[in-house]
Amino acid sequence: MPIEVTKALKEQIELLVSNKDDKSINALLENQHHADIAELLKELNLDDITYIIKLLDSDLTSDILMELDDDTREKILKNLSAKEIAEELEELDTDDAADMIAELPEERQESVISAIEDQEHKAEIEELLGYAEDTAGGLMAKELVKVYETWTVAGCLRRIRGQAKDVQRVHSIYVVNKAEQLIGRLSLKDLITAKSDQKIADIYISNVDYVHVNDDDEEVAKVMAKYDLEAVPVIDDDNRLVGRITIDDIVDVLKEEADKDYQLAAGITNEVEADDSILKLTKARLPWLILGLFGGLGSVFIMEGFEGALNNYKELFFFTPLIAAMAGNVGVQSSAIIVQGLANDVVKGSLWSRLLKEIGLSLINGTVLAILVILFGLFTSLHLKFSLTIAISMLGVIIIAALIGTFVPIILNKRGIDPAIATGPFITTSNDIFGIFLFFYIAKLILGF
């Protein structure tokens, strides 16, 4: 039965640790899921967490460590010796072990790696550390089940049993040739129903989806989503099978990318968390706030250029926030849809067709809103000419804002810049400036000041 993290349980654990009652701690936690234990440990102080990690078996604590947030895990690892960390790593799959080592300072990495007793596991971890973090090679694990095309079904079954004990979940069985090149996959059903003396070459499926070891992690996510894969094999430049990536690793990638895009859209330039230092939070937020400041100052200069209009038609001043808000809202809506489409790789077709689509959509939305403005003017006894000025200005602003919100993310994406940066303050500020200028310019044409 899963444990429920309560104040009483937290106090009980703290008391047991204080009394060094190892037997009771083990009895309480040893049969619990590592995710539940990790949730409990997050409520304790660092000393108590470290005590429990050192007490429990490495096959359990290794998984617990991977469930903890990066900062907490980093602090715990500082309190463990190189040998203790190596014992944790030997219980982890190679991809998780490589990730944990990568979090250590460089001087500690060597001492921890040298303390790993399993030489094969050690070599595989060192191989993974050689790949960039945001590539398929940086994501993949070395644990997999592979068979050779020359094997018989009977021999294959014997060898699979030996390989499977090192793999937590057997999603797929991959088939390779003598050169270790990936040539296909093997259906478990076909393997079980085949005759014992049949060769794997006679029953394997040659159609297999794969990714290259240097592919970007987001491209890997797109491949797995497109083909609905739970795992995907990874090959090198010589088409040799070098590892596999499972869906849980891709979920982590998608979560990290979503967090990054959300922060970019909110005008935060670096990945930060709520409990980061004031200095780090300031560095992440301040650049976009400065951009917003300059955008606001730009709007002030534009309004100064139309000072005569404000003297003759003071009502224009009261509608300025409305125009700026509509420009920002439409721009953010358009850019958010495009950014999502680019992320899901569904933004297809020519720019001209998208241009016409956005203009059509803007005309419909703008016309409806313009009519509502005119009705508002009639209800509040505004002069019809003035109501038309506001309505036409809004229609023009909506069209311009939609085009900016659509094409800025596409242009950024083509230049290799994350399009998520286009949403939020960037679009809002630029559309505020264009919107206010267009508002006063159209008002000048209609009202004739």
Protein backbone atom coordinates (compact mmCIF):
# COMPACT_ATOMS: atom_id res chain seq x y z
CA MET A 1 0.00 0.00 0.00
CA PRO A 2 1.49 3.41 -0.97
CA ILE A 3 2.54 5.62 1.91
CA GLU A 4 0.75 8.91 2.39
CA VAL A 5 3.07 11.77 3.22
CA THR A 6 1.60 13.41 6.31
CA LYS A 7 2.95 15.59 9.09
CA ALA A 8 2.71 12.62 11.47
CA LEU A 9 4.75 10.38 9.14
CA LYS A 10 7.37 13.10 8.67
CA GLU A 11 7.72 13.50 12.44
CA GLN A 12 7.89 9.71 12.87
CA ILE A 13 10.74 9.42 10.36
CA GLU A 14 12.59 12.34 11.93
CA LEU A 15 12.31 10.67 15.35
CA LEU A 16 13.53 7.32 14.01
CA VAL A 17 16.53 8.98 12.36
CA SER A 18 17.28 10.95 15.51
CA ASN A 19 17.26 7.70 17.53
CA LYS A 20 19.21 5.88 14.76
CA ASP A 21 16.53 3.19 14.77
CA ASP A 22 17.71 1.61 11.51
CA LYS A 23 15.58 -1.51 11.87
CA SER A 24 12.33 0.47 12.13
CA ILE A 25 13.28 2.76 9.23
CA ASN A 26 13.98 -0.25 7.02
CA ALA A 27 10.73 -1.93 8.05
CA LEU A 28 8.79 1.23 7.23
CA LEU A 29 10.35 1.98 3.84
CA GLU A 30 11.87 -1.12 2.29
CA ASN A 31 8.67 -2.36 0.60
CA GLN A 32 7.51 1.06 -0.58
CA HIS A 33 7.78 2.36 -4.15
CA HIS A 34 10.85 4.52 -4.73
CA ALA A 35 8.68 7.42 -6.00
CA ASP A 36 6.69 7.44 -2.75
CA ILE A 37 9.87 7.38 -0.66
CA ALA A 38 11.31 10.24 -2.73
CA GLU A 39 8.16 12.28 -2.07
CA LEU A 40 8.60 11.67 1.65
CA LEU A 41 12.30 12.56 1.62
CA LYS A 42 11.54 15.92 -0.02
CA GLU A 43 9.89 16.93 3.28
CA LEU A 44 13.01 16.17 5.36
CA ASN A 45 16.19 18.15 5.93
CA LEU A 46 19.38 17.28 4.07
CA ASP A 47 21.04 15.44 6.96
CA ASP A 48 18.05 13.15 7.47
CA ILE A 49 17.77 12.47 3.72
CA THR A 50 21.46 11.58 3.53
CA TYR A 51 21.17 9.26 6.54
CA ILE A 52 18.29 7.34 4.94
CA ILE A 53 20.00 7.14 1.55
CA LYS A 54 23.10 5.62 3.19
CA LEU A 55 20.95 3.21 5.20
CA LEU A 56 18.75 1.69 2.50
CA ASP A 57 19.98 -0.75 -0.16
CA SER A 58 21.50 0.75 -3.30
CA ASP A 59 19.03 -1.02 -5.59
CA LEU A 60 16.30 1.10 -3.96
CA THR A 61 18.15 4.34 -3.23
CA SER A 62 19.50 4.62 -6.78
CA ASP A 63 15.93 4.93 -8.06
CA ILE A 64 15.04 7.28 -5.21
CA LEU A 65 17.88 9.60 -6.14
CA MET A 66 16.67 9.83 -9.74
CA GLU A 67 13.21 10.86 -8.48
CA LEU A 68 14.56 13.78 -6.45
CA ASP A 69 14.96 17.23 -7.99
CA ASP A 70 18.41 18.13 -9.34
CA ASP A 71 19.34 20.53 -6.54
CA THR A 72 18.47 18.08 -3.75
CA ARG A 73 20.29 15.23 -5.49
CA GLU A 74 23.36 17.41 -5.99
CA LYS A 75 23.47 18.25 -2.28
CA ILE A 76 23.11 14.57 -1.31
CA LEU A 77 25.86 13.46 -3.66
CA LYS A 78 28.20 15.99 -2.04
CA ASN A 79 27.72 14.08 1.23
CA LEU A 80 28.49 10.69 -0.31
CA SER A 81 31.93 9.25 -0.98
CA ALA A 82 33.05 8.29 -4.50
CA LYS A 83 32.61 4.62 -3.58
CA GLU A 84 29.08 5.19 -2.26
CA ILE A 85 28.08 7.05 -5.44
CA ALA A 86 29.63 4.28 -7.55
CA GLU A 87 27.49 1.71 -5.73
CA GLU A 88 24.38 3.72 -6.59
CA LEU A 89 25.44 3.99 -10.24
CA GLU A 90 25.93 0.24 -10.59
CA GLU A 91 22.22 -0.24 -9.83
CA LEU A 92 21.06 2.26 -12.45
CA ASP A 93 20.58 1.87 -16.18
CA THR A 94 23.47 3.39 -18.10
CA ASP A 95 21.51 6.47 -19.24
CA ASP A 96 20.47 7.39 -15.69
CA ALA A 97 23.96 6.65 -14.39
CA ALA A 98 25.52 8.91 -17.02
CA ASP A 99 23.06 11.67 -16.16
CA MET A 100 23.93 11.45 -12.48
CA ILE A 101 27.67 11.53 -13.11
CA ALA A 102 27.27 14.52 -15.44
CA GLU A 103 25.82 16.49 -12.51
CA LEU A 104 29.05 16.04 -10.50
CA PRO A 105 31.98 18.46 -10.64
CA GLU A 106 34.62 17.32 -13.15
CA GLU A 107 37.18 16.50 -10.46
CA ARG A 108 34.71 14.10 -8.77
CA GLN A 109 33.58 12.46 -11.98
CA GLU A 110 36.92 10.72 -12.51
CA SER A 111 37.10 9.39 -8.96
CA VAL A 112 33.52 8.08 -9.09
CA ILE A 113 34.01 6.41 -12.48
CA SER A 114 37.21 4.75 -11.32
CA ALA A 115 35.34 3.36 -8.28
CA ILE A 116 32.80 1.50 -10.45
CA GLU A 117 33.69 -2.21 -10.24
CA ASP A 118 31.61 -3.47 -13.18
CA GLN A 119 34.00 -2.76 -16.05
CA GLU A 120 31.41 -3.23 -18.80
CA HIS A 121 28.95 -0.89 -17.04
CA LYS A 122 31.78 1.59 -16.52
CA ALA A 123 32.79 1.56 -20.19
CA GLU A 124 29.20 2.07 -21.34
CA ILE A 125 28.73 5.03 -19.00
CA GLU A 126 31.94 6.63 -20.27
CA GLU A 127 30.70 6.17 -23.84
CA LEU A 128 27.41 7.92 -23.06
CA LEU A 129 29.21 10.81 -21.37
CA GLY A 130 30.92 11.49 -24.68
CA TYR A 131 27.65 12.52 -26.36
CA ALA A 132 26.04 15.94 -26.14
CA GLU A 133 23.26 16.06 -23.55
CA ASP A 134 20.57 17.16 -26.02
CA THR A 135 21.19 14.42 -28.60
CA ALA A 136 19.92 10.87 -29.06
CA GLY A 137 23.30 9.64 -27.82
CA GLY A 138 22.90 11.65 -24.63
CA LEU A 139 19.43 10.19 -24.07
CA MET A 140 19.96 6.54 -24.95
CA ALA A 141 20.63 3.59 -22.70
CA LYS A 142 22.93 0.73 -23.63
CA GLU A 143 20.63 -1.92 -22.14
CA LEU A 144 18.63 -3.64 -24.89
CA VAL A 145 17.83 -7.04 -26.37
CA LYS A 146 19.43 -7.79 -29.72
CA VAL A 147 19.73 -10.97 -31.75
CA TYR A 148 21.74 -11.93 -34.82
CA GLU A 149 20.09 -12.92 -38.07
CA THR A 150 22.17 -16.11 -38.19
CA TRP A 151 20.85 -17.48 -34.90
CA THR A 152 18.23 -20.22 -34.77
CA VAL A 153 15.00 -19.67 -32.86
CA ALA A 154 16.05 -22.11 -30.13
CA GLY A 155 19.44 -20.45 -29.67
CA CYS A 156 17.84 -17.02 -29.78
CA LEU A 157 15.47 -17.83 -26.93
CA ARG A 158 18.33 -19.00 -24.73
CA ARG A 159 20.38 -15.88 -25.36
CA ILE A 160 17.41 -13.51 -24.91
CA ARG A 161 16.89 -14.81 -21.37
CA GLY A 162 20.43 -13.78 -20.50
CA GLN A 163 20.07 -10.31 -22.01
CA ALA A 164 16.61 -9.58 -20.61
CA LYS A 165 17.74 -9.79 -16.98
CA ASP A 166 19.62 -6.49 -17.46
CA VAL A 167 16.68 -4.74 -19.12
CA GLN A 168 13.82 -3.45 -16.98
CA ARG A 169 11.31 -3.59 -19.85
CA VAL A 170 11.69 -5.43 -23.12
CA HIS A 171 9.87 -3.12 -25.55
CA SER A 172 11.46 -4.55 -28.68
CA ILE A 173 13.90 -7.17 -29.88
CA TYR A 174 16.33 -5.80 -32.46
CA VAL A 175 17.99 -7.83 -35.20
CA VAL A 176 21.56 -7.12 -36.33
CA ASN A 177 23.97 -8.67 -38.83
CA LYS A 178 27.54 -9.78 -38.18
CA ALA A 179 28.74 -6.16 -38.47
CA GLU A 180 26.36 -5.17 -35.63
CA GLN A 181 24.28 -3.14 -38.11
CA LEU A 182 20.56 -2.78 -37.37
CA ILE A 183 18.59 -4.63 -40.03
CA GLY A 184 15.19 -5.15 -38.42
CA ARG A 185 13.11 -6.10 -35.41
CA LEU A 186 11.68 -9.34 -34.13
CA SER A 187 8.08 -9.94 -33.14
CA LEU A 188 7.78 -11.88 -29.89
CA LYS A 189 4.74 -13.66 -31.32
CA ASP A 190 6.69 -14.74 -34.42
CA LEU A 191 9.57 -15.90 -32.23
CA ILE A 192 7.34 -18.03 -30.00
CA THR A 193 5.35 -19.59 -32.84
CA ALA A 194 8.35 -20.29 -35.11
CA LYS A 195 10.00 -23.71 -35.36
CA SER A 196 13.06 -24.23 -33.18
CA ASP A 197 15.43 -24.80 -36.10
CA GLN A 198 14.29 -21.78 -38.11
CA LYS A 199 16.77 -18.95 -38.60
CA ILE A 200 16.01 -15.45 -37.35
CA ALA A 201 16.72 -14.27 -40.91
CA ASP A 202 13.54 -16.06 -41.99
CA ILE A 203 11.17 -14.46 -39.48
CA TYR A 204 12.42 -10.96 -38.61
CA ILE A 205 10.67 -7.77 -39.80
CA SER A 206 12.94 -5.55 -41.89
CA ASN A 207 10.82 -2.42 -41.40
CA VAL A 208 12.16 -0.70 -38.28
CA ASP A 209 12.08 2.94 -37.20
CA TYR A 210 15.32 4.33 -35.76
CA VAL A 211 17.18 7.56 -34.95
CA HIS A 212 20.81 8.59 -35.42
CA VAL A 213 23.06 9.02 -32.42
CA ASN A 214 23.59 12.73 -33.20
CA ASP A 215 19.91 13.56 -33.80
CA ASP A 216 18.51 16.40 -31.69
CA ASP A 217 16.41 15.21 -28.74
CA GLU A 218 13.37 17.12 -30.03
CA GLU A 219 13.65 15.30 -33.36
CA VAL A 220 13.71 12.01 -31.47
CA ALA A 221 10.53 13.04 -29.65
CA LYS A 222 8.84 13.82 -32.98
CA VAL A 223 9.79 10.42 -34.42
CA MET A 224 8.47 8.56 -31.38
CA ALA A 225 5.25 10.59 -31.36
CA LYS A 226 4.71 10.20 -35.12
CA TYR A 227 5.09 6.42 -35.10
CA ASP A 228 3.62 5.90 -31.61
CA LEU A 229 6.75 4.15 -30.30
CA GLU A 230 7.47 3.07 -26.75
CA ALA A 231 11.16 2.69 -27.61
CA VAL A 232 13.35 3.53 -30.58
CA PRO A 233 16.78 2.07 -31.49
CA VAL A 234 19.78 4.36 -32.00
CA ILE A 235 22.38 3.82 -34.73
CA ASP A 236 25.78 5.40 -35.46
CA ASP A 237 27.34 6.58 -38.73
CA ASP A 238 27.99 2.96 -39.76
CA ASN A 239 24.37 1.93 -39.06
CA ARG A 240 25.50 -0.10 -36.05
CA LEU A 241 23.01 -0.52 -33.21
CA VAL A 242 24.45 1.42 -30.23
CA GLY A 243 21.50 1.87 -27.87
CA ARG A 244 17.81 2.54 -27.42
CA ILE A 245 15.66 5.40 -26.13
CA THR A 246 12.49 4.67 -24.14
CA ILE A 247 9.34 6.72 -23.78
CA ASP A 248 10.09 7.79 -20.19
CA ASP A 249 13.23 9.58 -21.38
CA ILE A 250 11.22 11.41 -24.05
CA VAL A 251 8.58 12.46 -21.50
CA ASP A 252 11.38 14.14 -19.52
CA VAL A 253 12.57 15.91 -22.69
CA LEU A 254 9.07 17.15 -23.50
CA LYS A 255 8.56 18.38 -19.93
CA GLU A 256 11.85 20.27 -19.93
CA GLU A 257 11.10 21.79 -23.35
CA ALA A 258 7.59 22.79 -22.23
CA ASP A 259 8.99 24.42 -19.09
CA LYS A 260 11.58 26.30 -21.15
CA ASP A 261 9.04 27.46 -23.74
CA TYR A 262 6.62 28.54 -21.02
CA GLN A 263 9.31 30.64 -19.38
CA LEU A 264 10.38 32.14 -22.71
CA ALA A 265 6.77 33.02 -23.46
CA ALA A 266 6.56 34.71 -20.07
CA GLY A 267 9.69 36.74 -20.79
CA ILE A 268 12.24 34.73 -18.78
CA THR A 269 15.48 34.16 -20.68
CA ASN A 270 17.00 31.38 -18.56
CA GLU A 271 15.60 28.25 -16.96
CA VAL A 272 14.84 29.13 -13.34
CA GLU A 273 12.80 27.78 -10.47
CA ALA A 274 10.83 29.53 -7.75
CA ASP A 275 13.44 28.79 -5.08
CA ASP A 276 16.44 30.05 -7.09
CA SER A 277 18.48 32.97 -5.78
CA ILE A 278 17.32 36.56 -6.25
CA LEU A 279 20.36 37.24 -8.47
CA LYS A 280 19.58 34.31 -10.80
CA LEU A 281 15.89 35.27 -11.01
CA THR A 282 16.83 38.89 -11.74
CA LYS A 283 19.17 37.88 -14.57
CA ALA A 284 16.42 35.76 -16.10
CA ARG A 285 13.66 38.37 -15.92
CA LEU A 286 15.37 41.75 -16.28
CA PRO A 287 16.30 41.63 -20.02
CA TRP A 288 12.69 41.35 -21.16
CA LEU A 289 11.56 43.95 -18.64
CA ILE A 290 14.12 46.33 -20.15
CA LEU A 291 12.69 45.55 -23.59
CA GLY A 292 9.23 46.34 -22.27
CA LEU A 293 10.53 49.60 -20.82
CA PHE A 294 11.98 50.71 -24.17
CA GLY A 295 8.76 49.65 -25.88
CA GLY A 296 6.77 51.80 -23.48
CA LEU A 297 9.09 54.75 -24.02
CA GLY A 298 8.68 54.26 -27.76
CA SER A 299 4.91 54.52 -27.34
CA VAL A 300 5.38 57.76 -25.40
CA PHE A 301 7.38 59.31 -28.27
CA ILE A 302 4.71 58.21 -30.77
CA MET A 303 1.97 59.83 -28.72
CA GLU A 304 4.05 63.02 -28.42
CA GLY A 305 4.17 63.15 -32.22
CA PHE A 306 0.38 63.30 -32.23
CA GLU A 307 0.06 65.87 -29.46
CA GLY A 308 -2.29 67.97 -31.58
CA ALA A 309 -4.70 65.08 -31.86
CA LEU A 310 -4.82 64.65 -28.10
CA ASN A 311 -5.50 68.37 -27.66
CA ASN A 312 -8.35 68.39 -30.17
CA TYR A 313 -9.75 64.92 -29.51
CA LYS A 314 -9.11 64.07 -25.88
CA GLU A 315 -11.31 60.97 -26.25
CA LEU A 316 -8.50 59.34 -28.26
CA PHE A 317 -6.42 59.15 -25.10
CA PHE A 318 -9.04 57.02 -23.32
CA PHE A 319 -9.12 54.47 -26.16
CA THR A 320 -5.32 54.10 -26.39
CA PRO A 321 -5.16 51.26 -23.78
CA LEU A 322 -7.93 49.42 -25.68
CA ILE A 323 -6.01 49.53 -28.96
CA ALA A 324 -2.74 48.49 -27.29
CA ALA A 325 -4.45 45.62 -25.43
CA MET A 326 -6.15 44.31 -28.59
CA ALA A 327 -2.85 44.44 -30.50
CA GLY A 328 -1.03 42.52 -27.75
CA ASN A 329 -3.79 39.94 -27.30
CA VAL A 330 -4.16 39.18 -31.01
CA GLY A 331 -0.37 38.97 -31.47
CA VAL A 332 0.07 36.57 -28.56
CA GLN A 333 -2.83 34.39 -29.78
CA SER A 334 -1.39 34.16 -33.30
CA SER A 335 2.18 33.51 -32.14
CA ALA A 336 1.10 30.89 -29.58
CA ILE A 337 -0.71 28.88 -32.28
CA ILE A 338 2.28 29.09 -34.65
CA VAL A 339 4.79 28.17 -31.93
CA GLN A 340 2.68 25.14 -31.01
CA GLY A 341 2.43 24.18 -34.68
CA LEU A 342 6.19 24.49 -35.18
CA ALA A 343 6.82 22.37 -32.09
CA ASN A 344 4.48 19.66 -33.41
CA ASP A 345 5.83 20.02 -36.97
CA VAL A 346 2.39 20.78 -38.43
CA VAL A 347 3.12 24.22 -39.90
CA LYS A 348 3.20 23.27 -43.57
CA GLY A 349 2.55 24.95 -46.91
CA SER A 350 3.69 28.24 -48.41
CA LEU A 351 3.96 31.52 -46.52
CA TRP A 352 1.56 33.13 -49.01
CA SER A 353 -1.23 30.69 -48.18
CA ARG A 354 -0.69 31.32 -44.49
CA LEU A 355 -0.64 35.08 -45.19
CA LEU A 356 -4.02 34.92 -46.89
CA LYS A 357 -5.43 32.72 -44.13
CA GLU A 358 -4.32 35.15 -41.40
CA ILE A 359 -5.68 38.15 -43.29
CA GLY A 360 -9.03 36.39 -43.75
CA LEU A 361 -9.20 35.37 -40.09
CA SER A 362 -8.21 38.89 -38.97
CA LEU A 363 -10.84 40.49 -41.18
CA ILE A 364 -13.57 38.31 -39.68
CA ASN A 365 -12.48 38.87 -36.07
CA GLY A 366 -11.72 42.54 -36.64
CA THR A 367 -15.06 43.20 -38.35
CA VAL A 368 -17.02 41.62 -35.49
CA LEU A 369 -15.09 43.63 -32.89
CA ALA A 370 -15.39 46.83 -34.97
CA ILE A 371 -19.18 46.43 -35.11
CA LEU A 372 -19.25 46.00 -31.34
CA VAL A 373 -17.23 49.22 -30.96
CA ILE A 374 -19.66 51.12 -33.19
CA LEU A 375 -22.61 49.78 -31.19
CA PHE A 376 -20.83 50.84 -28.00
CA GLY A 377 -20.39 54.33 -29.48
CA LEU A 378 -24.09 54.58 -30.34
CA PHE A 379 -25.02 53.42 -26.85
CA THR A 380 -22.70 55.99 -25.19
CA SER A 381 -23.58 58.80 -27.62
CA LEU A 382 -20.11 59.02 -29.23
CA HIS A 383 -19.94 60.89 -32.51
CA LEU A 384 -20.30 58.38 -35.37
CA LYS A 385 -17.15 59.66 -37.06
CA PHE A 386 -15.20 59.08 -33.87
CA SER A 387 -16.69 55.57 -33.43
CA LEU A 388 -15.70 54.73 -37.01
CA THR A 389 -12.18 55.95 -36.29
CA ILE A 390 -11.87 53.59 -33.35
CA ALA A 391 -13.47 50.69 -35.26
CA ILE A 392 -11.31 51.05 -38.39
CA SER A 393 -8.17 51.52 -36.29
CA MET A 394 -8.95 48.36 -34.36
CA LEU A 395 -9.52 46.41 -37.57
CA GLY A 396 -6.16 47.55 -38.95
CA VAL A 397 -4.36 46.86 -35.68
CA ILE A 398 -5.81 43.34 -35.49
CA ILE A 399 -4.60 42.53 -39.02
CA ILE A 400 -1.08 43.88 -38.39
CA ALA A 401 -0.82 42.18 -34.97
CA ALA A 402 -1.93 38.83 -36.39
CA LEU A 403 0.65 39.03 -39.20
CA ILE A 404 3.44 39.95 -36.77
CA GLY A 405 2.40 37.17 -34.39
CA THR A 406 2.37 34.69 -37.26
CA PHE A 407 5.53 35.51 -39.15
CA VAL A 408 7.95 36.45 -36.35
CA PRO A 409 7.96 32.87 -34.91
CA ILE A 410 8.34 31.38 -38.41
CA ILE A 411 11.29 33.68 -39.21
CA LEU A 412 12.95 32.95 -35.85
CA ASN A 413 12.50 29.22 -36.42
CA LYS A 414 14.08 29.44 -39.88
CA ARG A 415 17.07 31.22 -38.33
CA GLY A 416 17.51 28.49 -35.73
CA ILE A 417 16.15 30.57 -32.82
CA ASP A 418 13.57 29.07 -30.46
CA PRO A 419 10.23 30.51 -31.72
CA ALA A 420 8.81 30.44 -28.19
CA ILE A 421 10.79 33.61 -27.59
CA ALA A 422 8.34 35.39 -29.92
CA THR A 423 5.39 35.05 -27.54
CA GLY A 424 4.89 37.16 -24.46
CA PRO A 425 6.84 40.43 -24.05
CA PHE A 426 8.42 40.43 -27.53
CA ILE A 427 5.12 40.29 -29.42
CA THR A 428 3.25 42.38 -26.87
CA THR A 429 5.81 45.20 -26.94
CA SER A 430 6.19 45.30 -30.72
CA ASN A 431 2.44 45.22 -31.28
CA ASP A 432 1.87 47.95 -28.68
CA ILE A 433 4.16 50.25 -30.64
CA PHE A 434 2.73 49.39 -34.07
CA GLY A 435 -0.82 49.45 -32.71
CA ILE A 436 -0.58 52.90 -31.15
CA PHE A 437 1.13 54.36 -34.22
CA LEU A 438 -1.50 52.87 -36.54
CA PHE A 439 -4.30 54.09 -34.26
CA PHE A 440 -3.18 57.71 -34.32
CA TYR A 441 -2.26 57.62 -38.00
CA ILE A 442 -5.72 56.34 -39.00
CA ALA A 443 -7.34 58.85 -36.63
CA LYS A 444 -5.38 61.62 -38.34
CA LEU A 445 -6.62 60.51 -41.76
CA ILE A 446 -10.27 60.27 -40.70
CA LEU A 447 -10.55 63.15 -38.24
CA GLY A 448 -8.24 65.43 -40.18
CA PHE A 449 -6.15 67.04 -37.44
